[in-house]
Amino acid sequence: MRRSLFLIVLCAAAASGQPLPLEGIAHVGYGVRDQAKSAAYYTGILGLPVAFRSNEGADFFKVSDDQYVELDRASESSAPPFHIALQTTDIAVLRRLLRDRGVPAPKAAKD
């Protein structure tokens, strides 16, 4: 699934002369069985600080000023077990370009 989504976005970008307004990856999200144990790995072994916790209970670990790793309990999350959130300069244009290229554009988490 994750490879498919990435390939769909790449193919969509190649299918048109107008480039997608992407700046990078905002975060990658993982559904985990044991959130506390996973958090200990990301902070203790990888050294990533906890940036914030969402209202739904997902932990976000800071990789850089613009990139995060999200961990959420797999059984409690409404998100897929793995997802990538892309950073864009223009969400409306990105969604329109993706739809025009036949790629379903999910509702943005925040516009």
PDB file of N, CA and C in Angstrom:
ATOM      1  N   MET A   1       0.821  -1.192   0.000  1.00  0.00           N
ATOM      2  CA  MET A   1       0.000   0.000   0.000  1.00  0.00           C
ATOM      3  C   MET A   1       0.862   1.252   0.000  1.00  0.00           C
ATOM      4  N   ARG A   2       1.860   1.331   0.876  1.00  0.00           N
ATOM      5  CA  ARG A   2       2.680   2.538   0.958  1.00  0.00           C
ATOM      6  C   ARG A   2       3.449   2.753  -0.330  1.00  0.00           C
ATOM      7  N   ARG A   3       3.965   1.655  -0.917  1.00  0.00           N
ATOM      8  CA  ARG A   3       4.681   1.774  -2.174  1.00  0.00           C
ATOM      9  C   ARG A   3       3.719   2.214  -3.269  1.00  0.00           C
ATOM     10  N   SER A   4       2.503   1.699  -3.246  1.00  0.00           N
ATOM     11  CA  SER A   4       1.505   2.059  -4.253  1.00  0.00           C
ATOM     12  C   SER A   4       1.177   3.541  -4.204  1.00  0.00           C
ATOM     13  N   LEU A   5       0.962   4.084  -3.007  1.00  0.00           N
ATOM     14  CA  LEU A   5       0.643   5.497  -2.873  1.00  0.00           C
ATOM     15  C   LEU A   5       1.787   6.349  -3.390  1.00  0.00           C
ATOM     16  N   PHE A   6       3.000   5.996  -3.041  1.00  0.00           N
ATOM     17  CA  PHE A   6       4.168   6.745  -3.483  1.00  0.00           C
ATOM     18  C   PHE A   6       4.275   6.705  -5.004  1.00  0.00           C
ATOM     19  N   LEU A   7       4.055   5.524  -5.596  1.00  0.00           N
ATOM     20  CA  LEU A   7       4.123   5.394  -7.047  1.00  0.00           C
ATOM     21  C   LEU A   7       3.008   6.167  -7.733  1.00  0.00           C
ATOM     22  N   ILE A   8       1.823   6.182  -7.139  1.00  0.00           N
ATOM     23  CA  ILE A   8       0.713   6.946  -7.713  1.00  0.00           C
ATOM     24  C   ILE A   8       1.069   8.430  -7.761  1.00  0.00           C
ATOM     25  N   VAL A   9       1.624   8.950  -6.680  1.00  0.00           N
ATOM     26  CA  VAL A   9       1.988  10.365  -6.644  1.00  0.00           C
ATOM     27  C   VAL A   9       3.089  10.653  -7.659  1.00  0.00           C
ATOM     28  N   LEU A  10       4.084   9.774  -7.758  1.00  0.00           N
ATOM     29  CA  LEU A  10       5.153   9.975  -8.740  1.00  0.00           C
ATOM     30  C   LEU A  10       4.628   9.923 -10.160  1.00  0.00           C
ATOM     31  N   CYS A  11       3.770   8.969 -10.450  1.00  0.00           N
ATOM     32  CA  CYS A  11       3.188   8.851 -11.794  1.00  0.00           C
ATOM     33  C   CYS A  11       2.327  10.063 -12.112  1.00  0.00           C
ATOM     34  N   ALA A  12       1.591  10.532 -11.139  1.00  0.00           N
ATOM     35  CA  ALA A  12       0.759  11.710 -11.349  1.00  0.00           C
ATOM     36  C   ALA A  12       1.627  12.922 -11.655  1.00  0.00           C
ATOM     37  N   ALA A  13       2.747  13.034 -10.986  1.00  0.00           N
ATOM     38  CA  ALA A  13       3.648  14.156 -11.227  1.00  0.00           C
ATOM     39  C   ALA A  13       4.238  14.091 -12.627  1.00  0.00           C
ATOM     40  N   ALA A  14       4.540  12.902 -13.093  1.00  0.00           N
ATOM     41  CA  ALA A  14       5.152  12.734 -14.413  1.00  0.00           C
ATOM     42  C   ALA A  14       4.137  12.873 -15.540  1.00  0.00           C
ATOM     43  N   ALA A  15       2.865  12.721 -15.249  1.00  0.00           N
ATOM     44  CA  ALA A  15       1.830  12.698 -16.282  1.00  0.00           C
ATOM     45  C   ALA A  15       1.434  14.082 -16.781  1.00  0.00           C
ATOM     46  N   SER A  16       1.922  15.110 -16.177  1.00  0.00           N
ATOM     47  CA  SER A  16       1.503  16.455 -16.558  1.00  0.00           C
ATOM     48  C   SER A  16       2.703  17.377 -16.560  1.00  0.00           C
ATOM     49  N   GLY A  17       2.601  18.435 -17.356  1.00  0.00           N
ATOM     50  CA  GLY A  17       3.681  19.399 -17.415  1.00  0.00           C
ATOM     51  C   GLY A  17       3.761  20.268 -16.177  1.00  0.00           C
ATOM     52  N   GLN A  18       2.642  20.460 -15.489  1.00  0.00           N
ATOM     53  CA  GLN A  18       2.640  21.312 -14.306  1.00  0.00           C
ATOM     54  C   GLN A  18       3.115  20.502 -13.105  1.00  0.00           C
ATOM     55  N   PRO A  19       4.188  20.958 -12.456  1.00  0.00           N
ATOM     56  CA  PRO A  19       4.700  20.200 -11.305  1.00  0.00           C
ATOM     57  C   PRO A  19       3.746  20.303 -10.113  1.00  0.00           C
ATOM     58  N   LEU A  20       3.774  19.271  -9.291  1.00  0.00           N
ATOM     59  CA  LEU A  20       2.989  19.293  -8.055  1.00  0.00           C
ATOM     60  C   LEU A  20       3.664  20.246  -7.070  1.00  0.00           C
ATOM     61  N   PRO A  21       2.882  21.052  -6.351  1.00  0.00           N
ATOM     62  CA  PRO A  21       3.477  22.003  -5.405  1.00  0.00           C
ATOM     63  C   PRO A  21       3.856  21.321  -4.087  1.00  0.00           C
ATOM     64  N   LEU A  22       4.882  20.489  -4.145  1.00  0.00           N
ATOM     65  CA  LEU A  22       5.330  19.750  -2.964  1.00  0.00           C
ATOM     66  C   LEU A  22       6.641  20.317  -2.444  1.00  0.00           C
ATOM     67  N   GLU A  23       6.757  20.379  -1.119  1.00  0.00           N
ATOM     68  CA  GLU A  23       7.998  20.829  -0.495  1.00  0.00           C
ATOM     69  C   GLU A  23       8.726  19.697   0.206  1.00  0.00           C
ATOM     70  N   GLY A  24       8.030  18.608   0.492  1.00  0.00           N
ATOM     71  CA  GLY A  24       8.679  17.500   1.173  1.00  0.00           C
ATOM     72  C   GLY A  24       7.683  16.656   1.938  1.00  0.00           C
ATOM     73  N   ILE A  25       8.224  15.853   2.811  1.00  0.00           N
ATOM     74  CA  ILE A  25       7.407  14.983   3.656  1.00  0.00           C
ATOM     75  C   ILE A  25       7.244  15.672   5.011  1.00  0.00           C
ATOM     76  N   ALA A  26       5.997  15.904   5.407  1.00  0.00           N
ATOM     77  CA  ALA A  26       5.733  16.538   6.700  1.00  0.00           C
ATOM     78  C   ALA A  26       5.892  15.521   7.832  1.00  0.00           C
ATOM     79  N   HIS A  27       5.295  14.335   7.642  1.00  0.00           N
ATOM     80  CA  HIS A  27       5.500  13.273   8.629  1.00  0.00           C
ATOM     81  C   HIS A  27       5.157  11.917   8.031  1.00  0.00           C
ATOM     82  N   VAL A  28       5.692  10.898   8.676  1.00  0.00           N
ATOM     83  CA  VAL A  28       5.280   9.529   8.388  1.00  0.00           C
ATOM     84  C   VAL A  28       4.628   9.015   9.661  1.00  0.00           C
ATOM     85  N   GLY A  29       3.558   8.262   9.488  1.00  0.00           N
ATOM     86  CA  GLY A  29       2.819   7.768  10.640  1.00  0.00           C
ATOM     87  C   GLY A  29       2.784   6.256  10.660  1.00  0.00           C
ATOM     88  N   TYR A  30       2.944   5.691  11.840  1.00  0.00           N
ATOM     89  CA  TYR A  30       2.932   4.244  12.024  1.00  0.00           C
ATOM     90  C   TYR A  30       1.931   3.877  13.111  1.00  0.00           C
ATOM     91  N   GLY A  31       1.174   2.839  12.863  1.00  0.00           N
ATOM     92  CA  GLY A  31       0.355   2.240  13.900  1.00  0.00           C
ATOM     93  C   GLY A  31       1.202   1.200  14.613  1.00  0.00           C
ATOM     94  N   VAL A  32       1.287   1.281  15.929  1.00  0.00           N
ATOM     95  CA  VAL A  32       2.149   0.382  16.700  1.00  0.00           C
ATOM     96  C   VAL A  32       1.332  -0.374  17.740  1.00  0.00           C
ATOM     97  N   ARG A  33       1.806  -1.544  18.129  1.00  0.00           N
ATOM     98  CA  ARG A  33       1.104  -2.351  19.137  1.00  0.00           C
ATOM     99  C   ARG A  33       1.296  -1.789  20.544  1.00  0.00           C
ATOM    100  N   ASP A  34       2.525  -1.379  20.843  1.00  0.00           N
ATOM    101  CA  ASP A  34       2.845  -0.893  22.181  1.00  0.00           C
ATOM    102  C   ASP A  34       3.421   0.516  22.045  1.00  0.00           C
ATOM    103  N   GLN A  35       2.578   1.509  22.260  1.00  0.00           N
ATOM    104  CA  GLN A  35       2.986   2.892  22.039  1.00  0.00           C
ATOM    105  C   GLN A  35       4.097   3.320  23.000  1.00  0.00           C
ATOM    106  N   ALA A  36       4.022   2.912  24.245  1.00  0.00           N
ATOM    107  CA  ALA A  36       5.041   3.301  25.230  1.00  0.00           C
ATOM    108  C   ALA A  36       6.399   2.700  24.878  1.00  0.00           C
ATOM    109  N   LYS A  37       6.412   1.433  24.505  1.00  0.00           N
ATOM    110  CA  LYS A  37       7.671   0.772  24.139  1.00  0.00           C
ATOM    111  C   LYS A  37       8.247   1.394  22.865  1.00  0.00           C
ATOM    112  N   SER A  38       7.388   1.690  21.910  1.00  0.00           N
ATOM    113  CA  SER A  38       7.841   2.325  20.671  1.00  0.00           C
ATOM    114  C   SER A  38       8.375   3.725  20.944  1.00  0.00           C
ATOM    115  N   ALA A  39       7.695   4.465  21.819  1.00  0.00           N
ATOM    116  CA  ALA A  39       8.152   5.815  22.172  1.00  0.00           C
ATOM    117  C   ALA A  39       9.521   5.761  22.847  1.00  0.00           C
ATOM    118  N   ALA A  40       9.737   4.766  23.689  1.00  0.00           N
ATOM    119  CA  ALA A  40      11.032   4.610  24.354  1.00  0.00           C
ATOM    120  C   ALA A  40      12.146   4.377  23.332  1.00  0.00           C
ATOM    121  N   TYR A  41      11.852   3.625  22.291  1.00  0.00           N
ATOM    122  CA  TYR A  41      12.833   3.389  21.226  1.00  0.00           C
ATOM    123  C   TYR A  41      13.151   4.696  20.489  1.00  0.00           C
ATOM    124  N   TYR A  42      12.112   5.440  20.102  1.00  0.00           N
ATOM    125  CA  TYR A  42      12.337   6.667  19.331  1.00  0.00           C
ATOM    126  C   TYR A  42      13.059   7.734  20.140  1.00  0.00           C
ATOM    127  N   THR A  43      12.787   7.819  21.438  1.00  0.00           N
ATOM    128  CA  THR A  43      13.480   8.812  22.261  1.00  0.00           C
ATOM    129  C   THR A  43      14.818   8.288  22.784  1.00  0.00           C
ATOM    130  N   GLY A  44      14.822   7.072  23.325  1.00  0.00           N
ATOM    131  CA  GLY A  44      16.029   6.544  23.957  1.00  0.00           C
ATOM    132  C   GLY A  44      17.096   6.074  22.995  1.00  0.00           C
ATOM    133  N   ILE A  45      16.724   5.356  21.953  1.00  0.00           N
ATOM    134  CA  ILE A  45      17.694   4.812  21.004  1.00  0.00           C
ATOM    135  C   ILE A  45      17.984   5.796  19.869  1.00  0.00           C
ATOM    136  N   LEU A  46      16.938   6.326  19.260  1.00  0.00           N
ATOM    137  CA  LEU A  46      17.127   7.246  18.128  1.00  0.00           C
ATOM    138  C   LEU A  46      17.381   8.686  18.572  1.00  0.00           C
ATOM    139  N   GLY A  47      17.009   9.012  19.809  1.00  0.00           N
ATOM    140  CA  GLY A  47      17.259  10.354  20.327  1.00  0.00           C
ATOM    141  C   GLY A  47      16.328  11.431  19.799  1.00  0.00           C
ATOM    142  N   LEU A  48      15.159  11.042  19.309  1.00  0.00           N
ATOM    143  CA  LEU A  48      14.206  12.025  18.797  1.00  0.00           C
ATOM    144  C   LEU A  48      13.346  12.549  19.944  1.00  0.00           C
ATOM    145  N   PRO A  49      13.258  13.860  20.100  1.00  0.00           N
ATOM    146  CA  PRO A  49      12.418  14.398  21.175  1.00  0.00           C
ATOM    147  C   PRO A  49      10.933  14.299  20.822  1.00  0.00           C
ATOM    148  N   VAL A  50      10.114  14.158  21.855  1.00  0.00           N
ATOM    149  CA  VAL A  50       8.666  14.203  21.646  1.00  0.00           C
ATOM    150  C   VAL A  50       8.318  15.660  21.392  1.00  0.00           C
ATOM    151  N   ALA A  51       7.691  15.907  20.242  1.00  0.00           N
ATOM    152  CA  ALA A  51       7.320  17.273  19.878  1.00  0.00           C
ATOM    153  C   ALA A  51       5.966  17.639  20.468  1.00  0.00           C
ATOM    154  N   PHE A  52       4.997  16.723  20.322  1.00  0.00           N
ATOM    155  CA  PHE A  52       3.659  16.965  20.859  1.00  0.00           C
ATOM    156  C   PHE A  52       2.853  15.681  20.787  1.00  0.00           C
ATOM    157  N   ARG A  53       1.712  15.710  21.442  1.00  0.00           N
ATOM    158  CA  ARG A  53       0.764  14.598  21.405  1.00  0.00           C
ATOM    159  C   ARG A  53      -0.552  15.147  20.872  1.00  0.00           C
ATOM    160  N   SER A  54      -1.140  14.443  19.905  1.00  0.00           N
ATOM    161  CA  SER A  54      -2.405  14.898  19.322  1.00  0.00           C
ATOM    162  C   SER A  54      -3.546  14.692  20.305  1.00  0.00           C
ATOM    163  N   ASN A  55      -4.668  15.330  20.027  1.00  0.00           N
ATOM    164  CA  ASN A  55      -5.853  15.153  20.869  1.00  0.00           C
ATOM    165  C   ASN A  55      -6.319  13.706  20.867  1.00  0.00           C
ATOM    166  N   GLU A  56      -6.014  12.969  19.801  1.00  0.00           N
ATOM    167  CA  GLU A  56      -6.400  11.560  19.699  1.00  0.00           C
ATOM    168  C   GLU A  56      -5.398  10.633  20.377  1.00  0.00           C
ATOM    169  N   GLY A  57      -4.277  11.178  20.885  1.00  0.00           N
ATOM    170  CA  GLY A  57      -3.310  10.376  21.628  1.00  0.00           C
ATOM    171  C   GLY A  57      -2.098   9.915  20.850  1.00  0.00           C
ATOM    172  N   ALA A  58      -1.947  10.353  19.602  1.00  0.00           N
ATOM    173  CA  ALA A  58      -0.761   9.986  18.824  1.00  0.00           C
ATOM    174  C   ALA A  58       0.427  10.830  19.276  1.00  0.00           C
ATOM    175  N   ASP A  59       1.604  10.205  19.362  1.00  0.00           N
ATOM    176  CA  ASP A  59       2.831  10.907  19.713  1.00  0.00           C
ATOM    177  C   ASP A  59       3.558  11.316  18.437  1.00  0.00           C
ATOM    178  N   PHE A  60       4.062  12.551  18.410  1.00  0.00           N
ATOM    179  CA  PHE A  60       4.838  13.054  17.281  1.00  0.00           C
ATOM    180  C   PHE A  60       6.257  13.340  17.759  1.00  0.00           C
ATOM    181  N   PHE A  61       7.232  12.745  17.069  1.00  0.00           N
ATOM    182  CA  PHE A  61       8.644  12.902  17.404  1.00  0.00           C
ATOM    183  C   PHE A  61       9.295  13.791  16.359  1.00  0.00           C
ATOM    184  N   LYS A  62      10.050  14.770  16.826  1.00  0.00           N
ATOM    185  CA  LYS A  62      10.638  15.754  15.925  1.00  0.00           C
ATOM    186  C   LYS A  62      11.898  15.204  15.268  1.00  0.00           C
ATOM    187  N   VAL A  63      11.885  15.191  13.925  1.00  0.00           N
ATOM    188  CA  VAL A  63      13.057  14.808  13.152  1.00  0.00           C
ATOM    189  C   VAL A  63      13.808  16.068  12.743  1.00  0.00           C
ATOM    190  N   SER A  64      13.075  17.078  12.277  1.00  0.00           N
ATOM    191  CA  SER A  64      13.622  18.391  11.919  1.00  0.00           C
ATOM    192  C   SER A  64      12.523  19.413  12.159  1.00  0.00           C
ATOM    193  N   ASP A  65      12.790  20.659  11.809  1.00  0.00           N
ATOM    194  CA  ASP A  65      11.774  21.696  12.034  1.00  0.00           C
ATOM    195  C   ASP A  65      10.489  21.435  11.264  1.00  0.00           C
ATOM    196  N   ASP A  66      10.579  20.699  10.157  1.00  0.00           N
ATOM    197  CA  ASP A  66       9.411  20.452   9.316  1.00  0.00           C
ATOM    198  C   ASP A  66       9.016  18.991   9.194  1.00  0.00           C
ATOM    199  N   GLN A  67       9.715  18.086   9.875  1.00  0.00           N
ATOM    200  CA  GLN A  67       9.439  16.657   9.703  1.00  0.00           C
ATOM    201  C   GLN A  67       9.301  15.950  11.052  1.00  0.00           C
ATOM    202  N   TYR A  68       8.306  15.029  11.063  1.00  0.00           N
ATOM    203  CA  TYR A  68       7.991  14.303  12.288  1.00  0.00           C
ATOM    204  C   TYR A  68       7.721  12.838  11.981  1.00  0.00           C
ATOM    205  N   VAL A  69       7.834  12.021  13.018  1.00  0.00           N
ATOM    206  CA  VAL A  69       7.384  10.631  12.978  1.00  0.00           C
ATOM    207  C   VAL A  69       6.201  10.555  13.935  1.00  0.00           C
ATOM    208  N   GLU A  70       5.100  10.001  13.451  1.00  0.00           N
ATOM    209  CA  GLU A  70       3.892   9.854  14.271  1.00  0.00           C
ATOM    210  C   GLU A  70       3.721   8.397  14.670  1.00  0.00           C
ATOM    211  N   LEU A  71       3.479   8.163  15.940  1.00  0.00           N
ATOM    212  CA  LEU A  71       3.170   6.817  16.440  1.00  0.00           C
ATOM    213  C   LEU A  71       1.804   6.848  17.101  1.00  0.00           C
ATOM    214  N   ASP A  72       0.973   5.906  16.706  1.00  0.00           N
ATOM    215  CA  ASP A  72      -0.363   5.803  17.294  1.00  0.00           C
ATOM    216  C   ASP A  72      -0.655   4.324  17.507  1.00  0.00           C
ATOM    217  N   ARG A  73      -1.448   4.019  18.505  1.00  0.00           N
ATOM    218  CA  ARG A  73      -1.819   2.615  18.731  1.00  0.00           C
ATOM    219  C   ARG A  73      -2.604   2.117  17.534  1.00  0.00           C
ATOM    220  N   ALA A  74      -2.146   1.035  16.955  1.00  0.00           N
ATOM    221  CA  ALA A  74      -2.745   0.505  15.725  1.00  0.00           C
ATOM    222  C   ALA A  74      -4.219   0.175  15.908  1.00  0.00           C
ATOM    223  N   SER A  75      -4.583  -0.384  17.031  1.00  0.00           N
ATOM    224  CA  SER A  75      -5.971  -0.812  17.226  1.00  0.00           C
ATOM    225  C   SER A  75      -6.904   0.356  17.524  1.00  0.00           C
ATOM    226  N   GLU A  76      -6.370   1.497  17.947  1.00  0.00           N
ATOM    227  CA  GLU A  76      -7.211   2.629  18.325  1.00  0.00           C
ATOM    228  C   GLU A  76      -7.216   3.742  17.287  1.00  0.00           C
ATOM    229  N   SER A  77      -6.342   3.656  16.306  1.00  0.00           N
ATOM    230  CA  SER A  77      -6.221   4.731  15.334  1.00  0.00           C
ATOM    231  C   SER A  77      -7.214   4.564  14.194  1.00  0.00           C
ATOM    232  N   SER A  78      -7.741   5.678  13.736  1.00  0.00           N
ATOM    233  CA  SER A  78      -8.584   5.642  12.549  1.00  0.00           C
ATOM    234  C   SER A  78      -7.731   5.778  11.292  1.00  0.00           C
ATOM    235  N   ALA A  79      -6.462   6.121  11.465  1.00  0.00           N
ATOM    236  CA  ALA A  79      -5.539   6.257  10.331  1.00  0.00           C
ATOM    237  C   ALA A  79      -5.077   4.871   9.874  1.00  0.00           C
ATOM    238  N   PRO A  80      -4.637   4.765   8.626  1.00  0.00           N
ATOM    239  CA  PRO A  80      -4.079   3.490   8.163  1.00  0.00           C
ATOM    240  C   PRO A  80      -2.851   3.128   9.007  1.00  0.00           C
ATOM    241  N   PRO A  81      -2.423   1.844   8.981  1.00  0.00           N
ATOM    242  CA  PRO A  81      -1.268   1.444   9.797  1.00  0.00           C
ATOM    243  C   PRO A  81       0.021   2.143   9.376  1.00  0.00           C
ATOM    244  N   PHE A  82       0.042   2.661   8.166  1.00  0.00           N
ATOM    245  CA  PHE A  82       1.193   3.439   7.701  1.00  0.00           C
ATOM    246  C   PHE A  82       0.668   4.525   6.776  1.00  0.00           C
ATOM    247  N   HIS A  83       1.157   5.744   6.949  1.00  0.00           N
ATOM    248  CA  HIS A  83       0.781   6.809   6.025  1.00  0.00           C
ATOM    249  C   HIS A  83       1.894   7.836   5.930  1.00  0.00           C
ATOM    250  N   ILE A  84       1.857   8.596   4.850  1.00  0.00           N
ATOM    251  CA  ILE A  84       2.805   9.684   4.631  1.00  0.00           C
ATOM    252  C   ILE A  84       2.003  10.960   4.441  1.00  0.00           C
ATOM    253  N   ALA A  85       2.380  11.999   5.152  1.00  0.00           N
ATOM    254  CA  ALA A  85       1.755  13.313   4.987  1.00  0.00           C
ATOM    255  C   ALA A  85       2.745  14.204   4.236  1.00  0.00           C
ATOM    256  N   LEU A  86       2.303  14.733   3.110  1.00  0.00           N
ATOM    257  CA  LEU A  86       3.167  15.561   2.285  1.00  0.00           C
ATOM    258  C   LEU A  86       2.988  17.034   2.633  1.00  0.00           C
ATOM    259  N   GLN A  87       4.080  17.775   2.545  1.00  0.00           N
ATOM    260  CA  GLN A  87       4.039  19.213   2.786  1.00  0.00           C
ATOM    261  C   GLN A  87       3.932  19.906   1.439  1.00  0.00           C
ATOM    262  N   THR A  88       2.996  20.828   1.332  1.00  0.00           N
ATOM    263  CA  THR A  88       2.758  21.512   0.074  1.00  0.00           C
ATOM    264  C   THR A  88       2.736  23.020   0.277  1.00  0.00           C
ATOM    265  N   THR A  89       2.995  23.725  -0.812  1.00  0.00           N
ATOM    266  CA  THR A  89       2.923  25.182  -0.781  1.00  0.00           C
ATOM    267  C   THR A  89       1.512  25.666  -1.072  1.00  0.00           C
ATOM    268  N   ASP A  90       0.672  24.779  -1.660  1.00  0.00           N
ATOM    269  CA  ASP A  90      -0.690  25.174  -2.025  1.00  0.00           C
ATOM    270  C   ASP A  90      -1.588  23.946  -2.036  1.00  0.00           C
ATOM    271  N   ILE A  91      -2.297  23.706  -0.943  1.00  0.00           N
ATOM    272  CA  ILE A  91      -3.110  22.495  -0.793  1.00  0.00           C
ATOM    273  C   ILE A  91      -4.225  22.430  -1.830  1.00  0.00           C
ATOM    274  N   ALA A  92      -4.849  23.561  -2.129  1.00  0.00           N
ATOM    275  CA  ALA A  92      -5.955  23.556  -3.101  1.00  0.00           C
ATOM    276  C   ALA A  92      -5.453  23.163  -4.484  1.00  0.00           C
ATOM    277  N   VAL A  93      -4.334  23.707  -4.904  1.00  0.00           N
ATOM    278  CA  VAL A  93      -3.764  23.374  -6.216  1.00  0.00           C
ATOM    279  C   VAL A  93      -3.332  21.917  -6.243  1.00  0.00           C
ATOM    280  N   LEU A  94      -2.693  21.447  -5.185  1.00  0.00           N
ATOM    281  CA  LEU A  94      -2.252  20.050  -5.140  1.00  0.00           C
ATOM    282  C   LEU A  94      -3.441  19.106  -5.260  1.00  0.00           C
ATOM    283  N   ARG A  95      -4.501  19.350  -4.513  1.00  0.00           N
ATOM    284  CA  ARG A  95      -5.677  18.479  -4.570  1.00  0.00           C
ATOM    285  C   ARG A  95      -6.304  18.499  -5.966  1.00  0.00           C
ATOM    286  N   ARG A  96      -6.383  19.678  -6.587  1.00  0.00           N
ATOM    287  CA  ARG A  96      -6.951  19.777  -7.936  1.00  0.00           C
ATOM    288  C   ARG A  96      -6.088  19.025  -8.951  1.00  0.00           C
ATOM    289  N   LEU A  97      -4.772  19.209  -8.895  1.00  0.00           N
ATOM    290  CA  LEU A  97      -3.880  18.529  -9.833  1.00  0.00           C
ATOM    291  C   LEU A  97      -3.962  17.010  -9.670  1.00  0.00           C
ATOM    292  N   LEU A  98      -4.027  16.542  -8.442  1.00  0.00           N
ATOM    293  CA  LEU A  98      -4.131  15.097  -8.215  1.00  0.00           C
ATOM    294  C   LEU A  98      -5.451  14.566  -8.762  1.00  0.00           C
ATOM    295  N   ARG A  99      -6.557  15.254  -8.477  1.00  0.00           N
ATOM    296  CA  ARG A  99      -7.857  14.829  -9.006  1.00  0.00           C
ATOM    297  C   ARG A  99      -7.867  14.842 -10.534  1.00  0.00           C
ATOM    298  N   ASP A 100      -7.279  15.896 -11.139  1.00  0.00           N
ATOM    299  CA  ASP A 100      -7.213  15.985 -12.602  1.00  0.00           C
ATOM    300  C   ASP A 100      -6.425  14.822 -13.208  1.00  0.00           C
ATOM    301  N   ARG A 101      -5.518  14.247 -12.424  1.00  0.00           N
ATOM    302  CA  ARG A 101      -4.679  13.152 -12.901  1.00  0.00           C
ATOM    303  C   ARG A 101      -5.223  11.792 -12.482  1.00  0.00           C
ATOM    304  N   GLY A 102      -6.443  11.780 -11.958  1.00  0.00           N
ATOM    305  CA  GLY A 102      -7.087  10.528 -11.615  1.00  0.00           C
ATOM    306  C   GLY A 102      -6.688   9.957 -10.278  1.00  0.00           C
ATOM    307  N   VAL A 103      -6.050  10.757  -9.425  1.00  0.00           N
ATOM    308  CA  VAL A 103      -5.618  10.285  -8.108  1.00  0.00           C
ATOM    309  C   VAL A 103      -6.593  10.824  -7.075  1.00  0.00           C
ATOM    310  N   PRO A 104      -7.221   9.939  -6.281  1.00  0.00           N
ATOM    311  CA  PRO A 104      -8.128  10.429  -5.232  1.00  0.00           C
ATOM    312  C   PRO A 104      -7.358  11.310  -4.254  1.00  0.00           C
ATOM    313  N   ALA A 105      -7.859  12.499  -4.030  1.00  0.00           N
ATOM    314  CA  ALA A 105      -7.211  13.436  -3.117  1.00  0.00           C
ATOM    315  C   ALA A 105      -7.994  13.466  -1.808  1.00  0.00           C
ATOM    316  N   PRO A 106      -7.460  12.831  -0.765  1.00  0.00           N
ATOM    317  CA  PRO A 106      -8.201  12.802   0.503  1.00  0.00           C
ATOM    318  C   PRO A 106      -8.308  14.194   1.092  1.00  0.00           C
ATOM    319  N   LYS A 107      -9.278  14.352   1.963  1.00  0.00           N
ATOM    320  CA  LYS A 107      -9.447  15.630   2.645  1.00  0.00           C
ATOM    321  C   LYS A 107      -8.200  15.937   3.454  1.00  0.00           C
ATOM    322  N   ALA A 108      -7.735  17.156   3.360  1.00  0.00           N
ATOM    323  CA  ALA A 108      -6.519  17.572   4.073  1.00  0.00           C
ATOM    324  C   ALA A 108      -6.801  17.629   5.564  1.00  0.00           C
ATOM    325  N   ALA A 109      -5.786  17.262   6.352  1.00  0.00           N
ATOM    326  CA  ALA A 109      -5.914  17.352   7.799  1.00  0.00           C
ATOM    327  C   ALA A 109      -6.102  18.803   8.230  1.00  0.00           C
ATOM    328  N   LYS A 110      -5.375  19.700   7.573  1.00  0.00           N
ATOM    329  CA  LYS A 110      -5.578  21.130   7.798  1.00  0.00           C
ATOM    330  C   LYS A 110      -5.173  21.855   6.526  1.00  0.00           C
ATOM    331  N   ASP A 111      -5.975  22.823   6.151  1.00  0.00           N
ATOM    332  CA  ASP A 111      -5.706  23.606   4.941  1.00  0.00           C
ATOM    333  C   ASP A 111      -4.833  24.796   5.252  1.00  0.00           C
TER     334      ASP A 111
END
